[in-house]
Amino acid sequence: MGRKTKITREMILEAAYELLDESGIGAVAIKTIAARLGCSTQPVSWHFGSMTELKKELYVYASHRLYDRFYEAMSGRDAVEGFFVTGILYISNACDHPNVFRFVNVDDPMLTIGEDMTGGASIFTNQFDAGAVELLASAYDIDREILGRVVRDIVIYTHGLAVLMMFDNYRIGKKEACRMVFDTGITLLSSIGIDVGERKFEKIYVM
């Protein structure tokens, strides 16, 4: 007889992520994960104990899958370009992985997981927003409170557009949506005295 494949936590989380990406959080269950892995339900239950615990780890796993590439994409860019790249990738996540984006950024985790995974923080206080303020403040002599308000307004606009892009009926082209974020950001940053220069959308558009 051949050796049985050892089912690891990583394999289970990857299978759960695939189901989430394909069909939404409603498709993620111990039986469907086991079926995806071609194993019994025992390894899934043994590793995680309950669906609540599995979904908590899936939330963290999915968040990393969506956002770890932000840092790499920002590397080597100036403050303004780095800021815009995060917005463009945010829109891209909503377009390319709408079910994952919804689970991480839109749905109430108390309903989908049974626990608040945000630590009480809102979308407007996440690390990328604070990082964006510091990034811009390091390059421009502008009060952080003013920068914070502009970053907040751009985040609100970007998040609202991203939510619309989750649904096919409301979609425009992904590149057009990303350009809308870019154009709005240019306008708002210029309004507080940031010299955006001759920025070209095509230079920072990240697929």
Protein backbone atom coordinates (compact mmCIF):
# COMPACT_ATOMS: atom_id res chain seq x y z
CA MET A 1 0.00 0.00 0.00
CA GLY A 2 1.17 3.52 -0.72
CA ARG A 3 1.89 5.97 2.04
CA LYS A 4 -0.96 8.26 2.99
CA THR A 5 -0.46 11.98 2.42
CA LYS A 6 -0.07 13.85 5.68
CA ILE A 7 -2.67 16.61 5.86
CA THR A 8 -1.10 19.77 7.29
CA ARG A 9 -2.65 23.00 8.62
CA GLU A 10 -1.25 24.82 5.59
CA MET A 11 -2.94 22.38 3.21
CA ILE A 12 -6.26 22.81 5.02
CA LEU A 13 -6.02 26.61 5.00
CA GLU A 14 -5.10 26.61 1.31
CA ALA A 15 -8.07 24.37 0.50
CA ALA A 16 -10.35 26.60 2.58
CA TYR A 17 -8.96 29.67 0.81
CA GLU A 18 -9.64 28.11 -2.60
CA LEU A 19 -13.24 27.38 -1.62
CA LEU A 20 -13.64 30.91 -0.26
CA ASP A 21 -12.18 32.42 -3.42
CA GLU A 22 -14.36 30.33 -5.70
CA SER A 23 -17.70 30.38 -3.92
CA GLY A 24 -17.64 32.55 -0.78
CA ILE A 25 -17.46 31.81 2.93
CA GLY A 26 -20.71 29.80 2.81
CA ALA A 27 -18.85 27.10 0.87
CA VAL A 28 -16.17 26.70 3.56
CA ALA A 29 -17.07 23.75 5.79
CA ILE A 30 -15.21 20.81 7.25
CA LYS A 31 -16.82 18.39 4.78
CA THR A 32 -16.10 20.52 1.71
CA ILE A 33 -12.50 21.09 2.79
CA ALA A 34 -12.02 17.37 3.35
CA ALA A 35 -13.53 16.64 -0.07
CA ARG A 36 -11.17 19.16 -1.69
CA LEU A 37 -8.20 17.46 0.00
CA GLY A 38 -9.47 13.94 -0.71
CA CYS A 39 -9.38 12.97 2.95
CA SER A 40 -11.76 12.28 5.82
CA THR A 41 -13.01 15.10 8.04
CA GLN A 42 -10.82 13.87 10.90
CA PRO A 43 -7.61 15.76 9.98
CA VAL A 44 -9.52 19.04 9.59
CA SER A 45 -11.24 18.64 12.94
CA TRP A 46 -8.02 17.51 14.62
CA HIS A 47 -6.05 20.55 13.45
CA PHE A 48 -8.69 23.20 14.16
CA GLY A 49 -11.26 21.71 16.52
CA SER A 50 -14.16 23.81 15.22
CA MET A 51 -15.23 25.87 12.24
CA THR A 52 -14.96 29.02 14.34
CA GLU A 53 -11.26 28.39 14.93
CA LEU A 54 -10.70 27.46 11.31
CA LYS A 55 -12.43 30.60 10.05
CA LYS A 56 -10.40 32.76 12.45
CA GLU A 57 -7.18 31.40 10.98
CA LEU A 58 -8.61 31.62 7.47
CA TYR A 59 -9.32 35.31 8.07
CA VAL A 60 -5.66 35.92 8.91
CA TYR A 61 -4.48 33.66 6.06
CA ALA A 62 -6.72 35.39 3.52
CA SER A 63 -5.64 38.83 4.74
CA HIS A 64 -2.01 37.94 4.12
CA ARG A 65 -2.84 36.59 0.67
CA LEU A 66 -4.53 39.88 -0.20
CA TYR A 67 -2.14 42.37 1.33
CA ASP A 68 1.39 41.02 1.70
CA ARG A 69 2.20 42.07 -1.85
CA PHE A 70 1.41 45.71 -1.03
CA TYR A 71 4.80 46.18 0.61
CA GLU A 72 6.69 44.69 -2.33
CA ALA A 73 4.73 46.79 -4.82
CA MET A 74 5.51 49.98 -2.86
CA SER A 75 9.23 49.23 -2.67
CA GLY A 76 11.44 51.69 -4.53
CA ARG A 77 8.65 54.16 -5.20
CA ASP A 78 8.38 57.69 -3.92
CA ALA A 79 5.75 58.68 -1.37
CA VAL A 80 2.99 59.63 -3.81
CA GLU A 81 3.46 56.61 -6.07
CA GLY A 82 3.63 54.27 -3.08
CA PHE A 83 0.37 55.68 -1.78
CA PHE A 84 -1.39 55.22 -5.11
CA VAL A 85 -0.14 51.67 -5.52
CA THR A 86 -1.97 50.63 -2.34
CA GLY A 87 -5.24 52.04 -3.68
CA ILE A 88 -4.81 50.37 -7.05
CA LEU A 89 -4.06 47.01 -5.43
CA TYR A 90 -7.07 47.41 -3.15
CA ILE A 91 -9.33 47.83 -6.18
CA SER A 92 -7.59 44.92 -7.90
CA ASN A 93 -8.25 42.66 -4.90
CA ALA A 94 -11.96 43.46 -5.05
CA CYS A 95 -12.07 42.72 -8.77
CA ASP A 96 -9.87 39.62 -8.88
CA HIS A 97 -10.90 38.01 -5.58
CA PRO A 98 -14.34 39.42 -4.72
CA ASN A 99 -15.32 36.63 -2.33
CA VAL A 100 -12.08 36.90 -0.38
CA PHE A 101 -12.27 40.70 -0.37
CA ARG A 102 -15.81 40.55 0.95
CA PHE A 103 -14.88 38.12 3.73
CA VAL A 104 -11.91 40.22 4.88
CA ASN A 105 -13.10 43.78 4.24
CA VAL A 106 -16.89 43.92 4.04
CA ASP A 107 -18.70 41.18 5.96
CA ASP A 108 -19.21 41.53 9.70
CA PRO A 109 -16.79 39.00 11.26
CA MET A 110 -19.16 38.55 14.18
CA LEU A 111 -21.61 37.00 11.70
CA THR A 112 -19.19 35.08 9.46
CA ILE A 113 -16.74 33.95 12.14
CA GLY A 114 -18.40 34.55 15.47
CA GLU A 115 -15.67 36.86 16.72
CA ASP A 116 -14.50 40.39 16.00
CA MET A 117 -11.19 39.94 14.16
CA THR A 118 -10.56 43.67 13.74
CA GLY A 119 -9.69 44.41 17.36
CA GLY A 120 -12.25 47.20 17.28
CA ALA A 121 -10.39 49.08 14.53
CA SER A 122 -12.22 50.50 11.54
CA ILE A 123 -11.08 50.39 7.94
CA PHE A 124 -9.98 53.99 8.36
CA THR A 125 -7.42 53.18 11.04
CA ASN A 126 -5.65 50.25 9.46
CA GLN A 127 -1.90 50.08 9.11
CA PHE A 128 -1.78 51.16 5.48
CA ASP A 129 -3.62 54.40 6.23
CA ALA A 130 -1.32 55.30 9.11
CA GLY A 131 1.65 54.25 7.00
CA ALA A 132 0.46 56.43 4.13
CA VAL A 133 0.27 59.49 6.39
CA GLU A 134 3.80 58.86 7.67
CA LEU A 135 5.08 58.19 4.16
CA LEU A 136 3.67 61.47 2.86
CA ALA A 137 4.70 63.41 5.96
CA SER A 138 8.29 62.24 5.51
CA ALA A 139 8.36 63.68 2.01
CA TYR A 140 6.26 66.84 2.38
CA ASP A 141 6.16 69.54 5.04
CA ILE A 142 2.42 69.28 5.64
CA ASP A 143 0.65 68.93 8.96
CA ARG A 144 -0.18 65.28 9.74
CA GLU A 145 -3.75 66.16 10.69
CA ILE A 146 -4.33 67.65 7.25
CA LEU A 147 -2.68 64.66 5.60
CA GLY A 148 -4.79 62.34 7.73
CA ARG A 149 -8.03 63.92 6.54
CA VAL A 150 -7.00 63.64 2.89
CA VAL A 151 -5.87 60.03 3.29
CA ARG A 152 -9.17 59.27 5.04
CA ASP A 153 -11.19 60.80 2.19
CA ILE A 154 -9.24 58.86 -0.44
CA VAL A 155 -9.67 55.65 1.57
CA ILE A 156 -13.45 56.21 1.80
CA TYR A 157 -13.67 56.77 -1.95
CA THR A 158 -11.45 53.77 -2.73
CA HIS A 159 -13.30 51.42 -0.39
CA GLY A 160 -16.70 52.45 -1.73
CA LEU A 161 -15.58 51.90 -5.31
CA ALA A 162 -14.01 48.56 -4.39
CA VAL A 163 -17.28 47.36 -2.83
CA LEU A 164 -19.14 48.22 -6.02
CA MET A 165 -16.52 46.34 -8.04
CA MET A 166 -17.32 43.15 -6.09
CA PHE A 167 -20.61 42.86 -7.93
CA ASP A 168 -20.69 42.18 -11.67
CA ASN A 169 -23.81 44.29 -12.20
CA TYR A 170 -22.04 47.40 -10.92
CA ARG A 171 -18.64 46.81 -12.46
CA ILE A 172 -16.77 49.05 -14.81
CA GLY A 173 -13.43 47.91 -16.15
CA LYS A 174 -10.79 47.25 -13.48
CA LYS A 175 -8.27 49.57 -15.11
CA GLU A 176 -10.87 52.33 -15.37
CA ALA A 177 -11.75 51.95 -11.67
CA CYS A 178 -8.07 52.13 -10.73
CA ARG A 179 -7.70 55.24 -12.86
CA MET A 180 -10.65 56.82 -11.02
CA VAL A 181 -8.82 56.27 -7.71
CA PHE A 182 -5.67 57.76 -9.20
CA ASP A 183 -7.44 60.84 -10.59
CA THR A 184 -9.32 61.47 -7.34
CA GLY A 185 -6.15 61.07 -5.31
CA ILE A 186 -4.24 63.48 -7.54
CA THR A 187 -6.98 66.08 -7.08
CA LEU A 188 -7.11 65.73 -3.29
CA LEU A 189 -3.34 65.68 -2.77
CA SER A 190 -2.94 68.72 -5.01
CA SER A 191 -5.59 70.55 -2.97
CA ILE A 192 -3.34 70.52 0.12
CA GLY A 193 -0.24 71.68 -1.71
CA ILE A 194 1.47 68.43 -2.64
CA ASP A 195 3.27 68.82 -5.95
CA VAL A 196 2.21 65.67 -7.77
CA GLY A 197 4.17 66.64 -10.87
CA GLU A 198 3.51 64.94 -14.18
CA ARG A 199 2.36 61.65 -12.73
CA LYS A 200 1.41 58.99 -15.25
CA PHE A 201 -1.21 56.45 -14.27
CA GLU A 202 0.29 53.81 -16.56
CA LYS A 203 3.60 53.98 -14.65
CA ILE A 204 2.05 52.82 -11.39
CA TYR A 205 -0.83 50.65 -12.58
CA VAL A 206 -0.25 47.21 -11.07
CA MET A 207 -2.23 44.32 -12.50
